[in-house]
Amino acid sequence: MARTDLQDAVIEWFAHHARDLPWRRPGFPAWGTLVSEIMLQQTPVVRVIPRLAEWLERWPEPRDLAADSPGEAVRMWQSLGYPRRALRLHACAVAIAERFDGRVPDDVDALLSLPGIGDYTARAVAVFAYGRRAPVVDTNVRRVIARAVDGAPDASAPSARRDLAAMTALLPADVVDSTRFNAGMMEVGALICTSRTPKCERCPLSALCVWRQRGYPDDEVARRPVQKRYEGSDRQARGMLLGLVRVEADPVAEEDLRRVLPDGARFGRALDGLLTDGLLEQTADGRFQLPGAAQSSSSSSSA
């Protein structure tokens, strides 16, 4: 496969089929890009868009969030799932305010120095917010490369060194084209070259795809393990407890939490996990509240 053919096919397809998403619009702030990338981890786009708008309306700059309590970040997170991401964003906002004068850094290494920011997020912000030339590799990109270039049914176990090298080898030299190509590869993987039901007849790489040329063994794709059910899981139990505390203005007593989740074993695991992860804290009188809630209430009273 000619590298330039793959580049042209992806960039051309993306120009006509890219979804109209807030973070792709001209003038969208780098802080918004960082927030959106954290929110999009393990959460569908359709659920992220309204929450992102609310978040940026309340905290349009990192300094705005840094001045608020981490508990308020958890409260605003609402039902996006994996609420530790809200704490991570709050910690990032504090670091950006203190170390970068309130501006999201544009360098990959500087972004990696922020708390909880990994290689993918750092590169995504540098590329999509600031137009830097760097490879961006997520699950979708790995799948497209595995199938179209390597002829495999799906990507093997993640390897930052191998995956980044593979994407770097495909990246256009032109900076603008490299940004479009990064976004286009992600979009092809998200919409066309999907995990279980790839739409090969609509794929811009169908004529180039090595996996298709080899007969694309869809039986191997079908054997991929199914994600664990949310219903009845400890994740659901944690969400039930956190949901009650989130909507209450005052700390919540343990007996009220137990009424939400009567199963003693699940209750214990869920509450211990929330306390360990810093998503809840216990007051001196034994009740439970969002982190920093007392400080936030004190600040509001003094204001």
Protein backbone atom coordinates (compact mmCIF):
# COMPACT_ATOMS: atom_id res chain seq x y z
CA MET A 1 0.00 0.00 0.00
CA ALA A 2 1.29 3.45 -0.90
CA ARG A 3 1.36 5.71 2.14
CA THR A 4 0.25 8.74 0.15
CA ASP A 5 -2.78 6.86 -1.20
CA LEU A 6 -3.91 6.08 2.35
CA GLN A 7 -3.31 9.67 3.45
CA ASP A 8 -5.27 11.12 0.54
CA ALA A 9 -8.15 8.69 0.99
CA VAL A 10 -8.55 9.47 4.69
CA ILE A 11 -8.20 13.25 4.34
CA GLU A 12 -10.63 13.39 1.40
CA TRP A 13 -13.22 11.24 3.18
CA PHE A 14 -12.91 13.28 6.38
CA ALA A 15 -13.47 16.53 4.48
CA HIS A 16 -16.90 15.26 3.37
CA HIS A 17 -18.01 13.01 6.22
CA ALA A 18 -16.65 14.46 9.46
CA ARG A 19 -19.25 14.96 12.17
CA ASP A 20 -19.98 18.54 13.18
CA LEU A 21 -18.67 18.41 16.75
CA PRO A 22 -18.11 21.43 19.03
CA TRP A 23 -14.39 20.78 19.53
CA ARG A 24 -13.83 20.77 15.75
CA ARG A 25 -15.26 24.23 15.19
CA PRO A 26 -12.97 27.24 14.61
CA GLY A 27 -12.15 29.16 17.75
CA PHE A 28 -12.95 26.35 20.16
CA PRO A 29 -10.66 26.93 23.19
CA ALA A 30 -7.79 24.66 24.16
CA TRP A 31 -9.34 24.28 27.64
CA GLY A 32 -12.50 23.01 25.97
CA THR A 33 -10.46 20.52 23.95
CA LEU A 34 -8.80 19.21 27.11
CA VAL A 35 -12.15 18.91 28.91
CA SER A 36 -13.76 17.17 25.92
CA GLU A 37 -10.93 14.66 25.61
CA ILE A 38 -11.25 13.66 29.27
CA MET A 39 -15.05 13.44 28.98
CA LEU A 40 -14.87 11.34 25.81
CA GLN A 41 -12.84 8.63 27.50
CA GLN A 42 -15.32 5.73 27.87
CA THR A 43 -18.36 7.98 27.24
CA PRO A 44 -20.30 8.33 23.93
CA VAL A 45 -20.15 11.63 22.06
CA VAL A 46 -23.91 12.19 22.31
CA ARG A 47 -23.72 12.23 26.12
CA VAL A 48 -20.62 14.40 26.25
CA ILE A 49 -21.83 17.32 24.10
CA PRO A 50 -24.49 18.75 26.48
CA ARG A 51 -22.35 18.18 29.57
CA LEU A 52 -19.35 19.86 27.92
CA ALA A 53 -21.45 22.94 27.13
CA GLU A 54 -22.62 23.17 30.75
CA TRP A 55 -19.09 22.68 32.05
CA LEU A 56 -17.58 25.42 29.87
CA GLU A 57 -20.42 27.81 30.67
CA ARG A 58 -19.70 27.45 34.38
CA TRP A 59 -15.90 27.20 34.12
CA PRO A 60 -14.81 28.83 30.84
CA GLU A 61 -11.16 28.95 31.94
CA PRO A 62 -8.97 26.59 34.00
CA ARG A 63 -8.68 29.25 36.73
CA ASP A 64 -12.47 29.22 37.15
CA LEU A 65 -12.52 25.51 37.93
CA ALA A 66 -9.36 25.70 40.05
CA ALA A 67 -11.06 28.29 42.29
CA ASP A 68 -13.98 25.93 42.91
CA SER A 69 -13.96 22.74 44.99
CA PRO A 70 -13.26 19.28 43.53
CA GLY A 71 -16.66 18.25 44.87
CA GLU A 72 -18.35 20.74 42.55
CA ALA A 73 -16.53 19.14 39.62
CA VAL A 74 -17.91 15.76 40.70
CA ARG A 75 -21.39 17.27 41.07
CA MET A 76 -21.30 18.78 37.57
CA TRP A 77 -20.06 15.48 36.14
CA GLN A 78 -23.51 14.05 36.83
CA SER A 79 -24.09 10.81 34.89
CA LEU A 80 -21.09 10.76 32.57
CA GLY A 81 -19.64 7.76 34.41
CA TYR A 82 -16.16 7.11 35.82
CA PRO A 83 -16.35 10.27 38.00
CA ARG A 84 -12.68 10.10 38.96
CA ARG A 85 -12.20 11.91 35.65
CA ALA A 86 -13.86 14.95 37.24
CA LEU A 87 -11.25 14.94 40.00
CA ARG A 88 -8.54 14.60 37.36
CA LEU A 89 -9.85 17.64 35.50
CA HIS A 90 -9.97 19.66 38.69
CA ALA A 91 -6.36 18.71 39.49
CA CYS A 92 -5.37 19.69 35.93
CA ALA A 93 -7.08 23.06 36.30
CA VAL A 94 -5.19 23.73 39.54
CA ALA A 95 -1.87 22.78 37.93
CA ILE A 96 -2.55 24.92 34.85
CA ALA A 97 -3.48 27.90 37.03
CA GLU A 98 -0.44 27.53 39.27
CA ARG A 99 2.26 26.44 36.81
CA PHE A 100 1.16 27.74 33.40
CA ASP A 101 -0.43 31.09 34.25
CA GLY A 102 -3.91 29.75 33.51
CA ARG A 103 -3.15 28.72 29.91
CA VAL A 104 -3.35 25.13 28.71
CA PRO A 105 0.18 24.29 27.54
CA ASP A 106 0.74 23.54 23.85
CA ASP A 107 3.71 21.19 24.22
CA VAL A 108 3.27 17.41 24.57
CA ASP A 109 5.84 17.12 27.37
CA ALA A 110 4.28 20.00 29.31
CA LEU A 111 0.83 18.47 28.89
CA LEU A 112 2.17 15.12 30.12
CA SER A 113 3.34 16.86 33.29
CA LEU A 114 -0.27 17.63 34.23
CA PRO A 115 -1.83 15.28 36.79
CA GLY A 116 -3.65 12.32 35.25
CA ILE A 117 -2.86 13.28 31.63
CA GLY A 118 -1.61 10.36 29.57
CA ASP A 119 0.09 10.10 26.23
CA TYR A 120 -3.08 10.08 24.13
CA THR A 121 -4.70 13.12 25.79
CA ALA A 122 -1.47 15.14 25.71
CA ARG A 123 -1.01 14.52 22.00
CA ALA A 124 -4.69 15.09 21.20
CA VAL A 125 -4.65 18.52 22.85
CA ALA A 126 -1.36 19.52 21.22
CA VAL A 127 -2.61 18.45 17.79
CA PHE A 128 -6.29 19.42 17.80
CA ALA A 129 -6.10 22.57 19.93
CA TYR A 130 -2.76 23.94 18.74
CA GLY A 131 -2.14 22.30 15.36
CA ARG A 132 1.11 20.58 16.34
CA ARG A 133 2.40 17.76 14.13
CA ALA A 134 2.39 14.60 16.23
CA PRO A 135 0.82 11.13 16.00
CA VAL A 136 -2.44 10.69 17.93
CA VAL A 137 -3.37 7.07 18.62
CA ASP A 138 -6.57 5.88 20.25
CA THR A 139 -8.39 2.54 20.06
CA ASN A 140 -10.02 3.50 16.76
CA VAL A 141 -6.74 4.48 15.11
CA ARG A 142 -5.06 1.29 16.31
CA ARG A 143 -7.87 -0.77 14.77
CA VAL A 144 -7.69 1.00 11.40
CA ILE A 145 -3.92 0.54 11.21
CA ALA A 146 -4.17 -3.11 12.25
CA ARG A 147 -6.71 -3.88 9.53
CA ALA A 148 -5.81 -1.57 6.65
CA VAL A 149 -2.03 -1.74 6.99
CA ASP A 150 -1.21 -4.97 8.85
CA GLY A 151 -4.09 -7.12 7.61
CA ALA A 152 -5.09 -8.23 11.12
CA PRO A 153 -8.72 -8.53 12.33
CA ASP A 154 -8.01 -6.09 15.14
CA ALA A 155 -5.17 -4.45 17.03
CA SER A 156 -3.05 -6.46 19.43
CA ALA A 157 -2.35 -5.35 23.01
CA PRO A 158 -1.53 -1.62 23.20
CA SER A 159 2.12 -0.60 23.02
CA ALA A 160 2.84 3.13 23.07
CA ARG A 161 6.19 2.74 21.35
CA ARG A 162 4.90 0.46 18.59
CA ASP A 163 1.57 2.25 18.07
CA LEU A 164 3.10 5.73 17.90
CA ALA A 165 5.79 4.52 15.51
CA ALA A 166 3.14 2.98 13.25
CA MET A 167 1.12 6.20 13.13
CA THR A 168 4.23 8.35 12.69
CA ALA A 169 5.14 6.31 9.61
CA LEU A 170 1.75 7.19 8.08
CA LEU A 171 1.60 10.85 9.11
CA PRO A 172 1.76 13.46 6.33
CA ALA A 173 4.72 15.83 6.46
CA ASP A 174 2.50 18.89 6.07
CA VAL A 175 1.33 20.13 9.48
CA VAL A 176 -2.25 20.95 8.42
CA ASP A 177 -2.65 17.65 6.59
CA SER A 178 -1.22 15.77 9.57
CA THR A 179 -3.95 17.22 11.81
CA ARG A 180 -6.66 16.29 9.31
CA PHE A 181 -5.20 12.82 8.93
CA ASN A 182 -5.11 12.25 12.70
CA ALA A 183 -8.74 13.29 13.00
CA GLY A 184 -9.74 11.37 9.89
CA MET A 185 -8.21 8.10 11.08
CA MET A 186 -10.07 8.44 14.38
CA GLU A 187 -13.32 9.17 12.54
CA VAL A 188 -12.93 6.21 10.16
CA GLY A 189 -12.43 3.94 13.16
CA ALA A 190 -15.35 5.43 15.07
CA LEU A 191 -17.90 5.42 12.23
CA ILE A 192 -16.77 2.89 9.60
CA CYS A 193 -14.05 0.50 10.75
CA THR A 194 -15.89 -0.34 13.95
CA SER A 195 -15.04 -3.16 16.31
CA ARG A 196 -17.90 -5.59 15.70
CA THR A 197 -19.69 -4.43 12.55
CA PRO A 198 -17.19 -2.78 10.17
CA LYS A 199 -18.88 -1.12 7.19
CA CYS A 200 -16.30 -2.21 4.64
CA GLU A 201 -18.48 -1.33 1.64
CA ARG A 202 -18.49 2.32 2.76
CA CYS A 203 -14.87 2.53 3.87
CA PRO A 204 -12.60 5.03 2.10
CA LEU A 205 -9.79 2.49 2.48
CA SER A 206 -11.68 -0.49 1.03
CA ALA A 207 -9.50 -0.63 -2.08
CA LEU A 208 -6.32 -0.41 0.00
CA CYS A 209 -7.21 -2.50 3.05
CA VAL A 210 -4.93 -5.51 3.51
CA TRP A 211 -7.42 -7.13 5.93
CA ARG A 212 -10.12 -7.04 3.25
CA GLN A 213 -7.72 -8.36 0.60
CA ARG A 214 -7.03 -11.35 2.85
CA GLY A 215 -10.73 -12.11 3.28
CA TYR A 216 -11.16 -10.24 6.61
CA PRO A 217 -11.71 -13.06 9.13
CA ASP A 218 -14.82 -11.69 10.84
CA ASP A 219 -15.06 -14.85 12.97
CA GLU A 220 -12.12 -13.58 15.04
CA VAL A 221 -13.86 -10.24 15.52
CA ALA A 222 -17.01 -12.00 16.73
CA ARG A 223 -15.07 -13.89 19.41
CA ARG A 224 -13.99 -10.71 21.14
CA PRO A 225 -15.10 -10.72 24.82
CA VAL A 226 -18.28 -8.84 25.68
CA GLN A 227 -18.05 -5.91 28.09
CA LYS A 228 -19.24 -6.66 31.62
CA ARG A 229 -22.82 -5.68 32.41
CA TYR A 230 -23.33 -2.41 34.27
CA GLU A 231 -26.59 -3.58 35.87
CA GLY A 232 -25.83 -5.12 39.25
CA SER A 233 -22.14 -4.19 39.13
CA ASP A 234 -20.09 -2.41 41.77
CA ARG A 235 -19.81 0.49 39.32
CA GLN A 236 -23.58 0.84 39.41
CA ALA A 237 -23.56 0.65 43.21
CA ARG A 238 -20.97 3.43 43.44
CA GLY A 239 -23.03 5.53 41.06
CA MET A 240 -26.16 5.08 43.18
CA LEU A 241 -24.44 6.32 46.34
CA LEU A 242 -22.62 9.16 44.63
CA GLY A 243 -25.83 10.19 42.87
CA LEU A 244 -27.61 10.71 46.20
CA VAL A 245 -24.79 12.74 47.73
CA ARG A 246 -24.48 14.79 44.53
CA VAL A 247 -28.05 16.09 44.68
CA GLU A 248 -28.08 16.87 48.42
CA ALA A 249 -26.94 20.28 49.62
CA ASP A 250 -25.96 18.92 53.07
CA PRO A 251 -23.88 15.87 54.04
CA VAL A 252 -25.79 12.58 53.88
CA ALA A 253 -26.15 10.15 56.79
CA GLU A 254 -25.07 6.53 56.35
CA GLU A 255 -28.60 5.23 56.97
CA ASP A 256 -29.87 7.31 54.05
CA LEU A 257 -27.18 5.85 51.81
CA ARG A 258 -28.08 2.33 52.94
CA ARG A 259 -31.70 2.92 51.94
CA VAL A 260 -30.50 3.55 48.39
CA LEU A 261 -28.38 0.38 48.40
CA PRO A 262 -29.69 -2.17 50.94
CA ASP A 263 -27.29 -4.95 49.86
CA GLY A 264 -24.74 -4.83 52.71
CA ALA A 265 -21.80 -6.34 50.81
CA ARG A 266 -22.24 -4.12 47.74
CA PHE A 267 -22.82 -1.09 49.96
CA GLY A 268 -19.56 -1.66 51.83
CA ARG A 269 -17.50 -2.14 48.68
CA ALA A 270 -19.08 0.86 46.98
CA LEU A 271 -18.66 3.23 49.92
CA ASP A 272 -15.08 2.12 50.60
CA GLY A 273 -14.22 2.60 46.93
CA LEU A 274 -15.68 6.10 46.80
CA LEU A 275 -13.78 7.13 49.93
CA THR A 276 -10.53 5.57 48.68
CA ASP A 277 -10.82 7.32 45.32
CA GLY A 278 -11.50 10.67 46.96
CA LEU A 279 -14.97 10.99 45.45
CA LEU A 280 -16.55 11.19 48.90
CA GLU A 281 -15.26 12.31 52.28
CA GLN A 282 -16.60 11.68 55.76
CA THR A 283 -17.48 14.55 58.08
CA ALA A 284 -16.59 14.69 61.78
CA ASP A 285 -20.12 13.56 62.70
CA GLY A 286 -19.93 10.50 60.43
CA ARG A 287 -21.93 11.77 57.44
CA PHE A 288 -20.72 11.82 53.84
CA GLN A 289 -20.22 14.67 51.36
CA LEU A 290 -18.45 15.52 48.11
CA PRO A 291 -14.74 16.38 48.45
CA GLY A 292 -14.10 19.96 49.51
CA ALA A 293 -17.78 20.59 50.15
CA ALA A 294 -17.16 22.17 53.56
CA GLN A 295 -14.54 24.51 52.08
CA SER A 296 -16.87 25.43 49.21
CA SER A 297 -19.73 26.15 51.61
CA SER A 298 -17.45 28.25 53.81
CA SER A 299 -16.26 30.27 50.80
CA SER A 300 -19.85 30.91 49.67
CA SER A 301 -20.86 32.06 53.15
CA SER A 302 -17.95 34.48 53.48
CA ALA A 303 -18.73 35.88 50.01
